[in-house]
Protein backbone atom coordinates (compact mmCIF):
# COMPACT_ATOMS: atom_id res chain seq x y z
CA MET A 1 1.09 22.32 14.70
CA VAL A 2 3.59 24.94 15.95
CA PHE A 3 7.02 23.84 17.19
CA PRO A 4 8.77 26.08 19.76
CA ARG A 5 12.31 27.27 19.11
CA CYS A 6 13.42 25.20 22.11
CA HIS A 7 12.23 22.02 20.37
CA PRO A 8 15.17 19.52 20.47
CA HIS A 9 15.06 19.13 16.68
CA TRP A 10 14.42 22.80 15.83
CA GLU A 11 17.22 23.13 13.27
CA ALA A 12 16.22 19.98 11.42
CA LEU A 13 12.58 21.03 11.42
CA ILE A 14 13.40 24.46 10.03
CA SER A 15 15.54 22.92 7.28
CA TRP A 16 12.61 21.18 5.62
CA CYS A 17 10.41 24.27 5.90
CA GLN A 18 12.87 26.25 3.74
CA VAL A 19 14.03 25.77 0.18
CA PRO A 20 17.83 25.26 0.21
CA GLU A 21 19.79 27.83 -1.77
CA GLU A 22 21.06 25.26 -4.22
CA HIS A 23 17.41 24.38 -5.06
CA GLU A 24 16.06 27.91 -5.48
CA GLU A 25 15.25 27.21 -9.14
CA TYR A 26 13.72 23.85 -8.30
CA GLU A 27 10.39 23.08 -9.95
CA PRO A 28 8.21 20.79 -7.80
CA MET A 29 7.17 17.52 -9.39
CA ILE A 30 3.90 15.60 -9.23
CA GLU A 31 3.12 11.89 -9.18
CA VAL A 32 -0.38 10.52 -9.68
CA GLY A 33 -1.67 7.09 -8.83
CA ILE A 34 -4.97 5.24 -8.73
CA PHE A 35 -6.36 3.56 -5.64
CA ASP A 36 -8.65 0.62 -6.46
CA GLY A 37 -10.71 -0.84 -3.62
CA GLY A 38 -12.45 -3.48 -5.71
CA SER A 39 -16.01 -2.22 -5.28
CA SER A 40 -18.87 -4.05 -6.96
CA ASP A 41 -20.49 -2.86 -10.17
CA LEU A 42 -23.90 -4.10 -8.99
CA PRO A 43 -26.51 -1.36 -8.65
CA PHE A 44 -27.73 -0.61 -5.15
CA ARG A 45 -31.00 0.41 -3.54
CA LYS A 46 -32.20 1.97 -0.32
CA THR A 47 -34.01 -0.10 2.27
CA ALA A 48 -36.91 1.17 4.36
CA SER A 49 -34.41 1.95 7.13
CA GLY A 50 -32.29 4.04 4.76
CA GLN A 51 -29.42 1.60 4.31
CA ARG A 52 -27.97 1.36 0.82
CA ILE A 53 -27.48 -2.29 -0.19
CA VAL A 54 -26.59 -4.09 -3.40
CA ASP A 55 -29.63 -4.79 -5.53
CA GLY A 56 -29.14 -8.48 -6.21
CA THR A 57 -28.75 -11.94 -4.76
CA LEU A 58 -25.68 -13.39 -3.12
CA ALA A 59 -25.06 -15.29 -6.36
CA ASP A 60 -25.05 -11.91 -8.15
CA VAL A 61 -22.47 -10.63 -5.63
CA HIS A 62 -20.22 -13.61 -6.40
CA ASP A 63 -20.50 -12.96 -10.15
CA ALA A 64 -19.69 -9.28 -9.63
CA ALA A 65 -16.57 -10.18 -7.64
CA ARG A 66 -15.27 -12.19 -10.59
CA ARG A 67 -15.93 -9.29 -12.97
CA THR A 68 -14.15 -6.87 -10.67
CA GLN A 69 -10.93 -8.89 -10.59
CA ALA A 70 -10.62 -8.75 -14.38
CA ALA A 71 -11.62 -5.07 -14.37
CA GLN A 72 -8.81 -4.23 -11.94
CA VAL A 73 -6.22 -5.63 -14.34
CA ARG A 74 -7.77 -3.80 -17.31
CA ARG A 75 -7.83 -0.52 -15.40
CA ALA A 76 -4.16 -0.80 -14.48
CA VAL A 77 -3.17 -1.45 -18.09
CA LEU A 78 -5.25 1.54 -19.17
CA ALA A 79 -3.77 3.69 -16.39
CA GLU A 80 -0.23 3.07 -17.61
CA SER A 81 -1.19 3.92 -21.20
CA VAL A 82 -2.57 7.34 -20.21
CA GLY A 83 0.23 8.42 -17.89
CA PHE A 84 -0.51 7.35 -14.31
CA ASP A 85 2.51 6.56 -12.16
CA TYR A 86 1.05 4.06 -9.68
CA TYR A 87 -1.74 1.51 -9.37
CA TRP A 88 -2.69 0.59 -5.81
CA LEU A 89 -4.83 -2.34 -4.66
CA THR A 90 -6.08 -3.06 -1.18
CA GLU A 91 -6.60 -6.31 0.77
CA HIS A 92 -10.09 -7.12 2.04
CA HIS A 93 -12.08 -10.35 2.25
CA PHE A 94 -15.68 -11.62 2.47
CA GLY A 95 -17.16 -8.39 1.08
CA THR A 96 -20.79 -9.32 0.52
CA GLU A 97 -21.75 -5.64 0.93
CA GLY A 98 -20.10 -4.65 -2.37
CA ALA A 99 -18.10 -1.69 -1.08
CA GLU A 100 -14.71 -3.37 -1.42
CA LEU A 101 -13.19 -6.73 -2.23
CA SER A 102 -9.56 -7.38 -3.10
CA THR A 103 -8.53 -10.69 -1.62
CA ASN A 104 -5.02 -10.95 -3.06
CA PRO A 105 -3.48 -7.67 -4.26
CA LEU A 106 -0.11 -9.35 -4.85
CA GLN A 107 -1.62 -11.92 -7.21
CA ILE A 108 -3.64 -9.31 -9.11
CA GLY A 109 -0.53 -7.12 -9.14
CA THR A 110 1.51 -9.90 -10.72
CA ALA A 111 -1.08 -10.20 -13.50
CA ILE A 112 -0.75 -6.44 -14.00
CA ALA A 113 3.04 -6.73 -14.07
CA ALA A 114 2.89 -9.20 -16.95
CA LEU A 115 0.89 -6.73 -19.07
CA THR A 116 2.67 -3.45 -18.24
CA ARG A 117 6.18 -2.00 -18.36
CA THR A 118 6.40 1.21 -16.34
CA ILE A 119 3.53 1.71 -13.90
CA ARG A 120 4.43 1.02 -10.29
CA ILE A 121 2.28 -1.65 -8.64
CA GLY A 122 1.38 -1.24 -5.00
CA GLN A 123 -0.77 -2.54 -2.18
CA LEU A 124 -2.49 -0.30 0.34
CA ALA A 125 -2.11 -2.51 2.07
CA ASN A 126 -1.17 -6.12 2.62
CA ILE A 127 -2.71 -6.93 6.00
CA VAL A 128 0.39 -8.32 7.65
CA ALA A 129 -1.40 -10.23 10.43
CA PHE A 130 -3.19 -12.35 7.81
CA HIS A 131 0.08 -13.85 6.53
CA HIS A 132 3.12 -15.70 7.75
CA PRO A 133 5.83 -13.04 7.27
CA ILE A 134 8.16 -15.44 5.42
CA ARG A 135 5.41 -16.34 2.95
CA LEU A 136 4.56 -12.66 2.54
CA ALA A 137 8.23 -11.82 1.94
CA GLU A 138 8.40 -14.45 -0.81
CA GLN A 139 5.23 -13.29 -2.55
CA ILE A 140 6.25 -9.63 -2.49
CA ALA A 141 9.68 -10.52 -3.87
CA ILE A 142 8.07 -12.50 -6.71
CA LEU A 143 5.99 -9.47 -7.71
CA ASP A 144 9.03 -7.22 -7.52
CA ASN A 145 11.13 -9.54 -9.68
CA LEU A 146 8.49 -10.25 -12.32
CA SER A 147 7.68 -6.53 -12.57
CA GLY A 148 11.33 -5.55 -12.98
CA GLY A 149 11.45 -3.68 -9.68
CA ARG A 150 8.10 -1.88 -9.76
CA ALA A 151 6.60 -3.10 -6.47
CA GLU A 152 5.44 -0.63 -3.82
CA VAL A 153 4.65 -2.47 -0.59
CA GLY A 154 2.00 -1.34 1.88
CA LEU A 155 1.96 -2.97 5.32
CA GLY A 156 -1.30 -2.64 7.26
CA ARG A 157 -2.57 -3.92 10.60
CA GLY A 158 -6.20 -4.48 9.58
CA TYR A 159 -9.36 -3.17 11.18
CA GLN A 160 -12.25 -5.40 10.11
CA GLY A 161 -13.05 -8.10 12.65
CA ARG A 162 -14.74 -10.43 10.16
CA GLU A 163 -11.48 -11.00 8.31
CA ALA A 164 -9.01 -10.27 11.11
CA GLU A 165 -10.40 -12.92 13.45
CA MET A 166 -10.55 -15.40 10.58
CA PHE A 167 -6.98 -14.95 9.32
CA GLY A 168 -5.19 -13.12 12.11
CA LYS A 169 -6.19 -15.68 14.72
CA THR A 170 -3.94 -18.21 12.97
CA TYR A 171 -0.93 -16.23 14.17
CA GLY A 172 -2.45 -14.90 17.37
CA ALA A 173 -2.98 -11.43 15.93
CA GLY A 174 -6.64 -10.56 15.48
CA ILE A 175 -7.89 -7.05 16.27
CA GLN A 176 -9.74 -7.71 19.51
CA ASP A 177 -6.44 -7.10 21.29
CA GLN A 178 -5.01 -4.02 19.58
CA GLU A 179 -1.73 -4.05 21.50
CA ARG A 180 -1.07 -7.67 20.59
CA ASN A 181 -1.91 -6.91 16.96
CA ARG A 182 0.51 -3.97 17.00
CA SER A 183 3.28 -6.12 18.53
CA PHE A 184 2.73 -8.74 15.84
CA HIS A 185 2.90 -6.09 13.13
CA HIS A 186 6.20 -4.73 14.40
CA GLU A 187 7.77 -8.18 14.71
CA ALA A 188 6.59 -9.22 11.26
CA TYR A 189 8.12 -6.03 9.84
CA GLU A 190 11.48 -7.00 11.36
CA ILE A 191 11.24 -10.48 9.79
CA LEU A 192 10.38 -9.05 6.36
CA ILE A 193 13.46 -6.82 6.43
CA LYS A 194 15.71 -9.73 7.47
CA ALA A 195 14.26 -12.01 4.79
CA TRP A 196 14.89 -9.43 2.05
CA THR A 197 18.31 -8.17 3.12
CA GLU A 198 20.19 -11.06 4.76
CA GLU A 199 21.51 -14.04 2.80
CA SER A 200 20.75 -16.32 5.73
CA PHE A 201 19.10 -15.38 9.00
CA SER A 202 17.36 -16.46 12.17
CA HIS A 203 14.76 -14.78 14.32
CA THR A 204 13.45 -15.38 17.80
CA GLY A 205 10.55 -13.27 18.98
CA GLN A 206 7.21 -13.24 20.74
CA PHE A 207 5.32 -14.71 17.78
CA PHE A 208 7.90 -16.49 15.61
CA SER A 209 10.97 -18.67 15.92
CA ILE A 210 12.68 -18.89 12.53
CA PRO A 211 13.61 -21.61 11.97
CA PRO A 212 12.00 -23.60 14.80
CA ASP A 213 14.85 -25.02 16.90
CA TYR A 214 13.59 -28.57 16.37
CA THR A 215 13.87 -28.40 12.55
CA LYS A 216 15.92 -31.45 11.54
CA TRP A 217 17.86 -31.08 8.28
CA ASN A 218 20.63 -33.64 8.06
CA HIS A 219 20.89 -33.12 4.32
CA ALA A 220 24.34 -34.02 2.95
CA GLN A 221 24.06 -31.71 -0.06
CA THR A 222 23.09 -28.63 1.99
CA ILE A 223 25.78 -29.30 4.59
CA ALA A 224 28.44 -29.82 1.90
CA PHE A 225 27.52 -26.49 0.27
CA PHE A 226 28.21 -24.56 3.48
CA GLU A 227 31.22 -26.70 4.48
CA GLU A 228 33.11 -25.77 1.31
CA GLY A 229 33.62 -22.26 2.67
CA ASP A 230 32.64 -20.33 -0.48
CA ALA A 231 28.92 -20.09 0.28
CA GLY A 232 29.24 -17.15 2.67
CA PRO A 233 27.90 -18.18 6.07
CA ASP A 234 29.89 -20.84 7.90
CA VAL A 235 28.30 -24.26 8.21
CA ASN A 236 28.18 -23.81 12.00
CA ASP A 237 26.21 -20.60 11.55
CA VAL A 238 23.55 -22.40 9.56
CA PHE A 239 23.53 -25.80 11.29
CA LYS A 240 23.71 -27.22 14.75
CA ILE A 241 25.58 -30.40 13.86
CA ALA A 242 24.74 -33.37 16.07
CA PRO A 243 25.53 -37.12 16.09
CA PRO A 244 23.10 -39.76 14.81
CA ASP A 245 19.82 -39.97 16.70
CA GLN A 246 19.25 -43.53 17.91
CA TYR A 247 15.50 -42.97 17.93
CA SER A 248 15.45 -41.80 14.31
CA MET A 249 18.03 -44.02 12.64
CA MET A 250 15.38 -46.21 11.02
CA GLY A 251 14.00 -43.20 9.15
CA PRO A 252 15.37 -41.39 6.10
CA PRO A 253 18.88 -39.88 6.40
CA ILE A 254 17.58 -36.31 6.63
CA SER A 255 16.02 -37.02 10.03
CA ALA A 256 18.37 -39.81 11.21
CA SER A 257 20.44 -37.34 13.17
CA GLY A 258 20.03 -34.61 15.75
CA THR A 259 21.37 -32.06 13.25
CA THR A 260 19.04 -29.06 13.10
CA LEU A 261 18.85 -25.78 11.21
CA LYS A 262 19.89 -22.53 12.88
CA GLN A 263 19.25 -20.25 9.88
CA LEU A 264 17.15 -20.07 6.70
CA SER A 265 17.61 -18.35 3.35
CA VAL A 266 14.46 -16.81 1.89
CA MET A 267 14.31 -16.79 -1.90
CA PRO A 268 13.85 -15.00 -4.12
CA GLN A 269 14.99 -11.71 -2.65
CA PRO A 270 13.54 -8.55 -4.23
CA PHE A 271 14.73 -6.92 -7.44
CA GLN A 272 14.94 -3.53 -5.70
CA LYS A 273 17.70 -3.12 -3.14
CA PRO A 274 17.69 -3.30 -0.24
CA HIS A 275 13.95 -3.94 -0.74
CA PRO A 276 10.91 -2.30 -2.38
CA PRO A 277 9.65 1.00 -0.95
CA LEU A 278 7.51 0.36 2.12
CA TRP A 279 4.31 2.19 3.00
CA GLU A 280 2.10 2.31 6.08
CA PRO A 281 -1.58 3.35 6.05
CA LEU A 282 -1.74 6.30 8.44
CA ASN A 283 -4.37 7.59 10.80
CA SER A 284 -3.41 7.80 14.48
CA GLU A 285 -0.44 9.85 15.69
CA ARG A 286 1.07 6.68 17.16
CA THR A 287 1.12 4.96 13.77
CA ILE A 288 2.38 8.11 12.03
CA ARG A 289 5.32 8.31 14.43
CA TRP A 290 6.16 4.61 14.15
CA ALA A 291 6.18 4.74 10.33
CA ALA A 292 8.30 7.90 10.27
CA SER A 293 10.77 6.49 12.80
CA LYS A 294 11.32 3.40 10.61
CA GLY A 295 11.64 5.33 7.35
CA LEU A 296 8.39 3.98 5.90
CA ASN A 297 6.37 6.14 3.54
CA GLY A 298 2.81 6.89 4.62
CA ASN A 299 -0.56 7.05 2.97
CA PHE A 300 -3.82 8.72 3.97
CA ILE A 301 -6.78 7.16 2.17
CA PHE A 302 -9.20 9.73 3.62
CA GLU A 303 -8.14 13.04 5.09
CA SER A 304 -9.44 16.56 4.55
CA ASP A 305 -7.13 19.24 3.15
CA ARG A 306 -6.98 21.03 6.50
CA ALA A 307 -6.52 17.90 8.62
CA LEU A 308 -3.75 16.53 6.40
CA LYS A 309 -1.29 19.36 7.03
CA PRO A 310 -0.98 18.90 10.85
CA LYS A 311 -0.51 15.15 10.37
CA LEU A 312 2.20 15.77 7.77
CA ASP A 313 3.87 18.01 10.35
CA VAL A 314 3.92 15.11 12.83
CA TYR A 315 5.41 12.77 10.22
CA MET A 316 8.13 15.24 9.26
CA GLU A 317 8.91 16.13 12.88
CA GLN A 318 9.30 12.46 13.79
CA SER A 319 11.43 11.79 10.70
CA ALA A 320 13.78 14.57 11.80
CA ALA A 321 13.78 13.34 15.41
CA SER A 322 14.68 9.84 14.21
CA GLY A 323 17.63 11.06 12.15
CA TRP A 324 15.93 10.95 8.74
CA PRO A 325 16.01 7.13 8.36
CA ASN A 326 16.00 5.51 4.92
CA GLY A 327 17.94 7.90 2.73
CA GLY A 328 18.44 11.06 4.74
CA GLU A 329 16.56 14.35 4.81
CA PHE A 330 13.81 14.83 2.25
CA LYS A 331 11.52 17.63 1.12
CA TYR A 332 8.39 18.44 3.09
CA GLY A 333 5.48 16.07 2.42
CA TRP A 334 6.86 14.23 -0.59
CA ASP A 335 10.25 14.05 -2.27
CA ALA A 336 9.91 12.56 -5.74
CA GLU A 337 13.66 12.18 -6.26
CA LYS A 338 14.18 10.31 -2.98
CA HIS A 339 10.81 8.56 -3.18
CA ARG A 340 10.08 9.50 0.43
CA GLY A 341 7.17 10.99 2.29
CA VAL A 342 3.40 10.74 2.45
CA SER A 343 0.67 10.38 -0.17
CA SER A 344 -2.99 11.30 0.07
CA GLY A 345 -6.09 10.30 -1.86
CA ARG A 346 -9.19 11.88 -3.37
CA VAL A 347 -12.36 10.47 -4.92
CA VAL A 348 -12.88 12.08 -8.32
CA HIS A 349 -15.75 12.11 -10.81
CA ILE A 350 -15.24 14.32 -13.87
CA VAL A 351 -18.24 15.99 -15.45
CA ASP A 352 -17.76 16.64 -19.15
CA PRO A 353 -20.08 16.53 -22.19
CA SER A 354 -17.70 14.15 -23.98
CA LEU A 355 -18.14 11.46 -21.33
CA SER A 356 -20.99 9.11 -22.22
CA HIS A 357 -21.07 7.48 -18.77
CA CYS A 358 -20.78 10.70 -16.78
CA ASN A 359 -23.27 10.64 -13.89
CA PRO A 360 -22.55 13.08 -11.05
CA ASP A 361 -25.68 12.08 -9.13
CA LEU A 362 -24.60 8.44 -9.11
CA ALA A 363 -21.05 9.46 -8.17
CA ARG A 364 -22.31 11.28 -5.09
CA GLU A 365 -24.81 8.61 -4.12
CA SER A 366 -22.28 5.81 -4.60
CA GLN A 367 -20.00 7.53 -2.12
CA LEU A 368 -22.82 7.44 0.42
CA PHE A 369 -23.15 3.72 -0.35
CA GLN A 370 -19.45 3.40 0.50
CA TRP A 371 -19.88 5.38 3.70
CA ASP A 372 -22.79 3.20 4.79
CA PHE A 373 -20.13 0.49 4.90
CA TYR A 374 -17.38 2.59 6.53
CA LYS A 375 -19.43 4.36 9.23
CA PRO A 376 -19.74 1.37 11.61
CA PHE A 377 -15.93 1.19 11.79
CA GLY A 378 -15.72 4.75 13.12
CA PHE A 379 -14.43 6.38 9.94
CA THR A 380 -16.60 9.43 10.57
CA ALA A 381 -13.95 10.51 13.09
CA ILE A 382 -11.82 11.75 10.20
CA LEU A 383 -14.50 14.28 9.28
CA ALA A 384 -13.70 16.28 12.41
CA GLU A 385 -11.88 19.56 11.97
CA PRO A 386 -8.33 19.80 13.37
CA GLY A 387 -8.59 20.15 17.14
CA GLU A 388 -12.26 19.13 17.17
CA THR A 389 -13.35 16.07 19.17
CA PRO A 390 -14.17 13.27 16.68
CA ARG A 391 -17.79 12.13 16.60
CA MET A 392 -19.20 8.78 15.56
CA ASP A 393 -22.71 10.11 14.81
CA VAL A 394 -21.85 12.52 11.98
CA ASP A 395 -24.43 12.61 9.20
CA VAL A 396 -22.32 11.90 6.14
CA THR A 397 -23.58 13.67 3.02
CA ALA A 398 -22.06 14.27 -0.37
CA GLU A 399 -22.01 17.97 0.47
CA VAL A 400 -19.93 17.31 3.59
CA LEU A 401 -17.48 15.11 1.65
CA GLU A 402 -17.08 17.77 -1.04
CA GLN A 403 -16.63 20.54 1.51
CA GLN A 404 -13.90 18.50 3.19
CA GLY A 405 -12.17 18.02 -0.17
CA MET A 406 -12.42 14.22 -0.03
CA LEU A 407 -14.88 14.02 -2.93
CA ILE A 408 -14.35 16.07 -6.08
CA VAL A 409 -17.20 16.16 -8.60
CA GLY A 410 -17.12 18.65 -11.44
CA SER A 411 -15.49 19.88 -14.59
CA LYS A 412 -11.90 19.31 -15.62
CA GLU A 413 -11.04 22.81 -14.40
CA HIS A 414 -12.77 22.19 -11.06
CA VAL A 415 -10.86 18.93 -10.50
CA ILE A 416 -7.53 20.60 -11.29
CA GLU A 417 -8.33 23.52 -8.99
CA LYS A 418 -9.19 21.21 -6.08
CA LEU A 419 -6.11 19.01 -6.50
CA MET A 420 -3.82 22.02 -6.76
CA GLY A 421 -5.53 23.38 -3.66
CA LEU A 422 -4.61 20.17 -1.83
CA LYS A 423 -1.01 20.59 -2.96
CA GLU A 424 -0.83 24.21 -1.84
CA THR A 425 -2.58 23.58 1.50
CA ALA A 426 -0.74 20.43 2.58
CA TYR A 427 2.45 19.95 0.56
CA ALA A 428 3.84 23.48 0.59
CA ASP A 429 6.97 23.81 -1.59
CA GLY A 430 7.67 20.08 -1.76
CA ASP A 431 6.70 17.68 -4.48
CA PHE A 432 3.14 16.39 -4.71
CA ILE A 433 1.77 12.86 -4.78
CA THR A 434 -1.89 11.90 -4.85
CA ASN A 435 -3.91 8.75 -5.51
CA ILE A 436 -7.23 9.10 -7.28
CA TRP A 437 -10.17 6.84 -6.45
CA PHE A 438 -12.47 6.42 -9.47
CA GLU A 439 -14.50 3.32 -8.61
CA SER A 440 -17.16 2.97 -5.94
CA GLY A 441 -20.17 0.76 -5.36
CA GLY A 442 -22.71 0.64 -8.18
CA THR A 443 -20.44 2.24 -10.78
CA PRO A 444 -20.23 0.31 -14.08
CA HIS A 445 -16.69 -0.76 -14.97
CA GLU A 446 -16.87 0.95 -18.36
CA ALA A 447 -17.70 4.23 -16.59
CA VAL A 448 -14.61 3.84 -14.38
CA GLU A 449 -12.42 3.20 -17.42
CA GLU A 450 -13.82 6.27 -19.16
CA GLN A 451 -12.98 8.43 -16.14
CA ILE A 452 -9.44 7.02 -15.96
CA GLN A 453 -8.84 7.72 -19.64
CA PHE A 454 -10.15 11.28 -19.49
CA PHE A 455 -8.17 12.08 -16.34
CA GLY A 456 -4.98 10.69 -17.86
CA GLU A 457 -5.34 12.41 -21.20
CA GLU A 458 -6.84 15.74 -20.11
CA ILE A 459 -5.95 16.38 -16.47
CA ILE A 460 -2.55 14.78 -15.78
CA PRO A 461 -0.81 16.92 -18.45
CA GLU A 462 -2.26 20.07 -16.85
CA LEU A 463 -1.21 18.98 -13.36
CA ARG A 464 2.31 18.31 -14.63
CA ARG A 465 2.47 21.72 -16.28
CA ASN A 466 1.38 23.28 -13.00
CA CYS A 467 3.81 21.25 -10.91
CA GLY A 468 6.91 21.12 -13.08
CA GLY A 469 6.63 17.61 -14.48
CA SER A 470 7.08 14.08 -13.12
CA PRO A 471 10.01 11.76 -12.50
CA GLU A 472 10.97 9.59 -15.45
CA ARG A 473 9.82 6.01 -15.03
CA ALA A 474 12.27 3.23 -15.84
CA GLU A 475 10.87 0.54 -18.09
CA SER A 476 10.99 -3.06 -16.93
CA THR A 477 13.62 -5.13 -18.73
CA VAL A 478 12.41 -8.46 -17.37
CA GLN A 479 11.69 -10.82 -20.24
CA LEU A 480 8.55 -12.87 -19.68
CA VAL A 481 8.02 -14.01 -23.28
CA PRO A 482 10.53 -16.29 -25.07
CA ASP A 483 12.17 -14.75 -28.12
CA ALA A 484 10.74 -17.48 -30.35
CA VAL A 485 7.22 -16.64 -29.22
CA ALA A 486 7.76 -12.86 -29.35
CA ALA A 487 8.93 -13.17 -32.96
CA LYS A 488 5.56 -14.61 -33.94
CA VAL A 489 3.53 -11.83 -32.37
């Protein structure tokens, strides 16, 4: 994308294309995460029609789902021990196909938090329309507090009808009506921010009234707390005080009055202030611009090296146009110090004689198993070259995925070369962040763990040498084990 000199934000745009004088000696940093989609370890087979399906019964699929949940926790613990910076989980439901299943990334993330100290724990993403925003705000805050401020929060709109119409319909936000879904997403985002940053708040919108104006709460203890004057909000901000209700006087005191709530306090609030870093899965220009305008970080799960750069341009241009929300101007693509920008992902399978579970043929074929699941949703559109009209009938092959840079299969040196190529093509002189996808359908869990360990021990140090290092990770100081118990361990 080329911006004319007459562009209204020309000066701001130029500023992030140049290295400021005071940073001429700056060494770019790198951050590396793992994206875990929760794919099944069941083997798969081809049908007569050419579809790849799990080779097992539905009972086998259920058993595999249970194994995968435990494997996700193990993999995160291993990832921290070998130097990864992030562990990302997704949210998807009802996955009988075996390509992905991760029904509660916040709950799995909390289990990870209890067993780790430094790795940052994220979701790409929580599907916002599947949750009441107040309940989601509480659950995210719990993870952030129990992890000592290590939560990274992805907020997605959802795209799979099977789950969206099941859960989203509860709040009037399935995916059949995309505009309604988008409106819900934006309103829920506003509620999340209020819940995390305001001691007491109210909200009236298209989808939610918080609290409902008929919520009776004639509770003497609550009223006394706000009447004393030291609580913060005035009692009349929180309550609409009313005389006794003659129709309710025979009931308990809490409802024997017309007194109703005007505000609520959501607890706990997050450990990180004002709230954990927020991320939006990115694809369309409309979503990219919305995320940038709100100061949300972005993530591309799939995007070729060449296609990523123009989309990063849009994100940066919109960030400048919106006045650099959430912390001011940041380096192009990713700014490790400010924790701002856009991440991108790659599927990696390392080929090395020391790896007992190394199987490049399975790695390539398992990606085609994944794409047999993704193709009906229109994901083949992302295989189009920049400026090319997307097509839904693209024949997805391992060769195509490797040519596009989305799948990397090869030696340690080959993997490093490809990842550094992504950095040079898309991230220019900024810092670099990438999320590696090791698991896919039909891959044994022990093979995934072996890949994670090799990448952490052999490849991350080389990437850091090439990129100038990584930010130092603060260790959680939250105590989850009593001293008396810890002394016995």
